[in-house]
N, C-alpha and C. Protein backbone atom coordinates (compact mmCIF):
# COMPACT_ATOMS: atom_id res chain seq x y z
N MET A 1 26.77 -13.41 -9.95
CA MET A 1 27.64 -14.15 -9.08
C MET A 1 26.80 -14.61 -8.04
N GLY A 2 27.36 -15.98 -7.82
CA GLY A 2 26.58 -16.30 -6.61
C GLY A 2 26.11 -17.64 -6.95
N SER A 3 25.22 -18.57 -5.92
CA SER A 3 24.66 -19.52 -6.10
C SER A 3 23.95 -19.81 -7.15
N PHE A 4 23.85 -21.05 -7.88
CA PHE A 4 22.40 -20.93 -8.94
C PHE A 4 21.00 -21.87 -7.87
N LYS A 5 20.69 -21.03 -7.15
CA LYS A 5 19.72 -21.72 -6.33
C LYS A 5 17.82 -20.81 -6.78
N ASP A 6 16.90 -21.52 -6.17
CA ASP A 6 15.72 -20.60 -6.43
C ASP A 6 15.58 -19.10 -6.20
N ALA A 7 16.23 -18.68 -5.26
CA ALA A 7 16.19 -17.26 -4.80
C ALA A 7 16.66 -16.42 -6.06
N LYS A 8 17.80 -17.02 -6.79
CA LYS A 8 18.38 -16.20 -7.83
C LYS A 8 17.84 -16.13 -9.10
N ARG A 9 16.97 -17.01 -9.46
CA ARG A 9 16.16 -17.15 -10.84
C ARG A 9 17.21 -16.68 -12.07
N HIS A 10 18.08 -17.59 -12.26
CA HIS A 10 19.03 -17.03 -13.31
C HIS A 10 18.60 -17.48 -14.54
N ASP A 11 17.62 -18.49 -14.50
CA ASP A 11 16.25 -18.37 -15.85
C ASP A 11 15.82 -17.36 -16.00
N VAL A 12 15.43 -16.46 -15.29
CA VAL A 12 14.76 -15.03 -15.59
C VAL A 12 16.09 -14.43 -16.29
N LEU A 13 17.18 -14.13 -15.82
CA LEU A 13 17.99 -13.47 -16.21
C LEU A 13 18.46 -13.87 -17.64
N VAL A 14 18.70 -15.37 -18.02
CA VAL A 14 19.21 -15.59 -18.90
C VAL A 14 17.97 -15.30 -20.39
N ASN A 15 16.62 -15.42 -19.92
CA ASN A 15 15.75 -15.10 -21.00
C ASN A 15 15.54 -14.05 -20.89
N ALA A 16 15.53 -12.92 -20.14
CA ALA A 16 15.82 -11.54 -20.51
C ALA A 16 17.19 -10.92 -21.43
N TYR A 17 18.41 -11.59 -21.04
CA TYR A 17 19.20 -11.64 -22.09
C TYR A 17 19.34 -12.09 -23.26
N ALA A 18 18.82 -13.08 -23.68
CA ALA A 18 18.43 -13.70 -25.14
C ALA A 18 17.56 -12.54 -25.92
N LYS A 19 16.97 -11.92 -24.88
CA LYS A 19 15.61 -10.91 -25.71
C LYS A 19 16.24 -9.33 -26.12
N THR A 20 17.77 -9.58 -25.75
CA THR A 20 18.49 -7.97 -25.96
C THR A 20 18.97 -8.65 -27.47
N ASP A 21 19.60 -7.20 -27.76
CA ASP A 21 20.91 -7.16 -28.68
C ASP A 21 22.26 -7.17 -28.24
N GLN A 22 22.37 -7.31 -26.88
CA GLN A 22 23.66 -7.41 -26.12
C GLN A 22 24.53 -8.19 -26.91
N SER A 23 25.74 -7.43 -27.17
CA SER A 23 26.91 -8.09 -27.51
C SER A 23 28.11 -8.66 -26.85
N MET A 24 28.19 -7.97 -25.73
CA MET A 24 28.80 -8.28 -24.82
C MET A 24 28.52 -9.67 -23.78
N PRO A 25 29.53 -10.50 -23.48
CA PRO A 25 28.97 -11.80 -23.05
C PRO A 25 28.38 -11.70 -21.65
N LEU A 26 27.70 -12.49 -21.37
CA LEU A 26 27.21 -12.45 -19.79
C LEU A 26 27.88 -13.64 -19.50
N LEU A 27 28.79 -12.85 -18.05
CA LEU A 27 29.71 -13.63 -17.38
C LEU A 27 28.86 -14.33 -16.11
N LEU A 28 28.85 -15.80 -15.89
CA LEU A 28 28.49 -16.56 -14.35
C LEU A 28 28.75 -17.28 -13.79
N LEU A 29 29.36 -16.63 -12.92
CA LEU A 29 30.28 -17.18 -11.78
C LEU A 29 29.38 -17.96 -10.56
N GLY A 30 29.54 -18.91 -10.20
CA GLY A 30 28.71 -19.56 -9.04
C GLY A 30 28.80 -21.30 -9.39
N GLN A 31 28.30 -22.07 -8.36
CA GLN A 31 28.13 -23.28 -8.11
C GLN A 31 26.48 -23.33 -7.86
N GLY A 32 25.64 -24.23 -8.04
CA GLY A 32 24.55 -24.79 -7.01
C GLY A 32 23.85 -25.79 -7.90
N LYS A 33 22.47 -26.06 -7.22
CA LYS A 33 21.51 -26.79 -7.49
C LYS A 33 20.99 -26.78 -8.94
N HIS A 34 21.14 -25.47 -9.50
CA HIS A 34 20.27 -25.61 -10.82
C HIS A 34 21.34 -24.81 -11.83
N LYS A 35 22.47 -24.96 -11.80
CA LYS A 35 23.59 -24.46 -12.64
C LYS A 35 23.40 -25.45 -14.12
N SER A 36 23.33 -27.04 -13.80
CA SER A 36 22.63 -27.51 -15.15
C SER A 36 21.53 -27.33 -15.80
N GLU A 37 20.61 -26.79 -14.99
CA GLU A 37 19.31 -26.21 -15.81
C GLU A 37 19.71 -25.06 -16.32
N THR A 38 20.66 -23.99 -16.03
CA THR A 38 20.65 -22.95 -16.57
C THR A 38 21.55 -23.24 -17.62
N GLU A 39 22.64 -23.93 -18.07
CA GLU A 39 23.39 -24.56 -18.78
C GLU A 39 22.44 -24.96 -20.04
N ARG A 40 21.44 -25.96 -19.49
CA ARG A 40 20.68 -26.37 -20.86
C ARG A 40 19.71 -25.10 -21.18
N LEU A 41 19.23 -24.20 -20.59
CA LEU A 41 18.57 -23.15 -21.01
C LEU A 41 19.37 -22.41 -21.94
N VAL A 42 20.65 -22.00 -21.83
CA VAL A 42 21.42 -21.53 -22.53
C VAL A 42 21.52 -22.26 -23.66
N THR A 43 21.63 -23.59 -23.75
CA THR A 43 21.95 -24.17 -24.96
C THR A 43 20.49 -24.06 -26.06
N GLU A 44 19.37 -24.10 -25.16
CA GLU A 44 18.36 -24.17 -25.74
C GLU A 44 17.85 -22.85 -26.70
N LEU A 45 18.36 -21.59 -25.89
CA LEU A 45 18.44 -20.27 -26.51
C LEU A 45 19.35 -19.78 -27.33
N SER A 46 20.35 -20.72 -27.65
CA SER A 46 21.90 -20.99 -28.60
C SER A 46 22.24 -19.91 -28.10
N LEU A 47 22.81 -19.39 -26.80
CA LEU A 47 23.55 -18.43 -26.50
C LEU A 47 24.84 -18.99 -26.13
N GLU A 48 25.23 -20.15 -26.56
CA GLU A 48 26.66 -20.88 -25.91
C GLU A 48 27.59 -19.62 -26.07
N ASP A 49 28.13 -19.35 -27.10
CA ASP A 49 28.90 -18.38 -27.26
C ASP A 49 28.81 -16.87 -26.74
N LYS A 50 27.71 -16.75 -26.33
CA LYS A 50 27.16 -15.20 -25.51
C LYS A 50 27.37 -15.46 -23.74
N VAL A 51 26.76 -16.65 -23.32
CA VAL A 51 26.91 -16.90 -21.73
C VAL A 51 27.92 -17.47 -21.58
N ILE A 52 28.70 -17.46 -20.64
CA ILE A 52 30.06 -17.96 -19.95
C ILE A 52 30.00 -18.22 -18.78
N PHE A 53 29.95 -19.71 -18.35
CA PHE A 53 30.09 -19.98 -17.02
C PHE A 53 31.34 -20.63 -16.80
N LEU A 54 31.66 -19.77 -15.46
CA LEU A 54 33.01 -19.63 -14.70
C LEU A 54 33.49 -20.40 -13.63
N GLY A 55 32.28 -21.00 -13.21
CA GLY A 55 32.11 -21.82 -11.91
C GLY A 55 32.38 -20.82 -10.46
N PHE A 56 32.80 -21.59 -9.48
CA PHE A 56 32.98 -20.93 -8.60
C PHE A 56 34.54 -20.10 -8.38
N ARG A 57 34.48 -18.92 -8.05
CA ARG A 57 35.79 -17.88 -7.74
C ARG A 57 35.67 -17.77 -6.15
N ASP A 58 37.14 -17.87 -5.73
CA ASP A 58 37.14 -17.36 -4.65
C ASP A 58 36.95 -15.80 -4.19
N ASN A 59 37.57 -15.12 -5.36
CA ASN A 59 37.58 -13.94 -5.69
C ASN A 59 36.93 -13.50 -6.59
N PRO A 60 35.80 -13.03 -6.59
CA PRO A 60 35.18 -12.49 -7.49
C PRO A 60 35.12 -11.05 -8.20
N PHE A 61 35.99 -10.31 -7.16
CA PHE A 61 36.01 -8.92 -7.48
C PHE A 61 36.81 -8.39 -8.46
N PRO A 62 37.79 -9.30 -8.94
CA PRO A 62 38.52 -8.67 -10.21
C PRO A 62 37.49 -8.57 -11.75
N TYR A 63 36.47 -9.83 -11.39
CA TYR A 63 35.31 -9.87 -12.34
C TYR A 63 34.63 -8.46 -12.37
N ILE A 64 34.35 -7.88 -11.24
CA ILE A 64 33.35 -7.02 -10.75
C ILE A 64 34.09 -5.77 -11.11
N LYS A 65 35.47 -5.81 -10.93
CA LYS A 65 35.85 -4.13 -11.31
C LYS A 65 36.33 -3.74 -12.55
N LYS A 66 36.05 -5.18 -13.52
CA LYS A 66 36.39 -5.12 -15.25
C LYS A 66 34.62 -5.26 -16.08
N CYS A 67 33.85 -4.99 -15.27
CA CYS A 67 32.27 -5.12 -15.34
C CYS A 67 31.81 -3.68 -16.37
N ALA A 68 31.30 -4.00 -17.81
CA ALA A 68 31.03 -2.67 -18.40
C ALA A 68 29.66 -2.28 -17.95
N VAL A 69 28.78 -3.44 -17.45
CA VAL A 69 27.33 -3.34 -17.08
C VAL A 69 26.62 -3.54 -16.15
């Protein structure tokens, strides 16, 4: 969760996730200038069914509470 900006390196996260055999979805919360780049990367890696963009949430804690990993 958080802004899609340089310091967050969502590209590294998505590439690492792509190399796993993880069946659980990757939920990404937030907005920012690199969101569209991250969405393109997800498409390039054919992860559209596993990486879910939820956008900005005022209260991300319900998602954190239900996280398994």
